[in-house]
């Protein structure tokens, strides 16, 4: 119950399969000589980029200042030193005044 087309197709595929031998299925020989493949190009590019990054890091570290500019610390305030001028005398405080005591007078007496 196969059609003539199926029989012809099966015969063609079988003939084609008989042409393939184990020598056709073995691995290909590795390439000979030195070639610039993508692996070697990537390796060279990564080395060049690494060297450029190292040069940039050295330039940044040597050319930039040590850090943000901070003002110098301010010393605490202290009394000014006197130079050769005599001390100014300060007035002595007056003694407290004694309370005046008056005797009470009776009302109506002269």
Protein backbone atom coordinates (compact mmCIF):
# COMPACT_ATOMS: atom_id res chain seq x y z
CA UNK A 1 0.00 0.00 0.00
CA UNK A 2 2.71 2.38 -0.67
CA UNK A 3 2.55 4.77 -3.52
CA UNK A 4 5.16 4.86 -6.23
CA UNK A 5 6.35 8.27 -4.98
CA UNK A 6 7.04 6.85 -1.53
CA UNK A 7 8.96 3.92 -2.98
CA UNK A 8 11.12 6.18 -5.12
CA UNK A 9 11.77 8.52 -2.19
CA UNK A 10 12.80 5.63 0.08
CA UNK A 11 15.14 4.25 -2.59
CA UNK A 12 16.74 7.68 -3.10
CA UNK A 13 17.30 8.18 0.66
CA UNK A 14 18.78 4.68 1.03
CA UNK A 15 21.17 5.25 -1.88
CA UNK A 16 22.22 8.56 -0.36
CA UNK A 17 22.77 6.93 3.05
CA UNK A 18 24.99 4.26 1.48
CA UNK A 19 27.30 7.01 0.17
CA UNK A 20 28.16 8.24 3.68
CA UNK A 21 31.09 6.36 5.25
CA UNK A 22 32.85 6.58 8.58
CA UNK A 23 35.55 8.77 7.01
CA UNK A 24 32.96 11.39 6.19
CA UNK A 25 31.82 11.45 9.82
CA UNK A 26 35.21 11.85 11.52
CA UNK A 27 36.34 15.11 13.00
CA UNK A 28 37.95 17.68 10.78
CA UNK A 29 41.66 18.27 11.17
CA UNK A 30 42.61 21.31 13.25
CA UNK A 31 43.65 24.40 11.32
CA UNK A 32 47.33 24.72 10.55
CA UNK A 33 49.45 27.83 11.12
CA UNK A 34 48.85 30.94 13.14
CA UNK A 35 45.59 32.66 12.49
CA UNK A 36 44.05 35.69 14.10
CA UNK A 37 40.85 34.21 15.37
CA UNK A 38 38.32 35.89 17.55
CA UNK A 39 39.91 34.36 20.66
CA UNK A 40 43.28 35.98 19.97
CA UNK A 41 41.71 39.30 19.00
CA UNK A 42 39.72 39.38 22.25
CA UNK A 43 42.83 38.52 24.27
CA UNK A 44 44.81 41.39 22.70
CA UNK A 45 41.90 43.79 23.16
CA UNK A 46 41.54 42.88 26.85
CA UNK A 47 45.28 43.42 27.44
CA UNK A 48 45.15 46.82 25.74
CA UNK A 49 42.06 47.86 27.72
CA UNK A 50 43.65 46.69 30.98
CA UNK A 51 46.80 48.71 30.29
CA UNK A 52 44.73 51.79 29.44
CA UNK A 53 42.75 51.42 32.67
CA UNK A 54 45.96 51.12 34.70
CA UNK A 55 47.40 54.26 33.09
CA UNK A 56 44.16 56.16 33.74
CA UNK A 57 44.15 55.06 37.41
CA UNK A 58 47.75 56.19 37.89
CA UNK A 59 46.98 59.56 36.29
CA UNK A 60 43.93 60.09 38.46
CA UNK A 61 45.78 59.16 41.65
CA UNK A 62 48.78 61.38 40.93
CA UNK A 63 47.05 64.42 39.43
CA UNK A 64 44.15 64.85 41.82
CA UNK A 65 44.73 66.57 45.17
CA UNK A 66 44.85 64.53 48.34
CA UNK A 67 41.19 65.05 49.07
CA UNK A 68 38.60 67.74 49.60
CA UNK A 69 40.02 71.05 50.74
CA UNK A 70 39.49 71.40 54.48
CA UNK A 71 40.31 74.59 56.34
CA UNK A 72 43.06 74.58 58.94
CA UNK A 73 41.83 74.04 62.49
CA UNK A 74 41.23 77.20 64.52
CA UNK A 75 42.95 77.46 67.88
CA UNK A 76 40.76 78.24 70.90
CA UNK A 77 40.52 81.87 72.01
CA UNK A 78 42.80 83.10 74.82
CA UNK A 79 43.50 86.39 76.51
CA UNK A 80 45.82 88.66 74.56
CA UNK A 81 49.32 89.03 75.90
CA UNK A 82 50.16 92.48 77.29
CA UNK A 83 53.26 94.06 75.95
CA UNK A 84 55.02 96.55 78.23
CA UNK A 85 51.95 98.60 79.18
CA UNK A 86 51.43 99.09 82.93
CA UNK A 87 48.36 97.47 84.33
CA UNK A 88 45.38 99.74 84.67
CA UNK A 89 44.35 100.09 88.34
CA UNK A 90 40.82 99.02 89.02
CA UNK A 91 38.86 101.08 91.57
CA UNK A 92 38.30 99.33 94.86
CA UNK A 93 34.68 98.78 95.71
CA UNK A 94 33.32 101.16 98.36
CA UNK A 95 32.49 99.64 101.73
CA UNK A 96 28.82 99.07 102.20
CA UNK A 97 27.07 101.96 103.88
CA UNK A 98 25.88 101.41 107.43
CA UNK A 99 22.15 101.60 107.78
CA UNK A 100 21.00 104.72 109.55
CA UNK A 101 19.11 103.93 112.66
CA UNK A 102 16.66 106.51 113.89
CA UNK A 103 14.76 106.22 117.00
CA UNK A 104 11.06 106.38 116.64
CA UNK A 105 9.45 109.52 117.91
CA UNK A 106 6.12 109.51 119.41
CA UNK A 107 3.50 111.20 117.40
CA UNK A 108 2.64 114.57 118.79
CA UNK A 109 5.89 115.27 120.53
CA UNK A 110 8.01 118.21 119.34
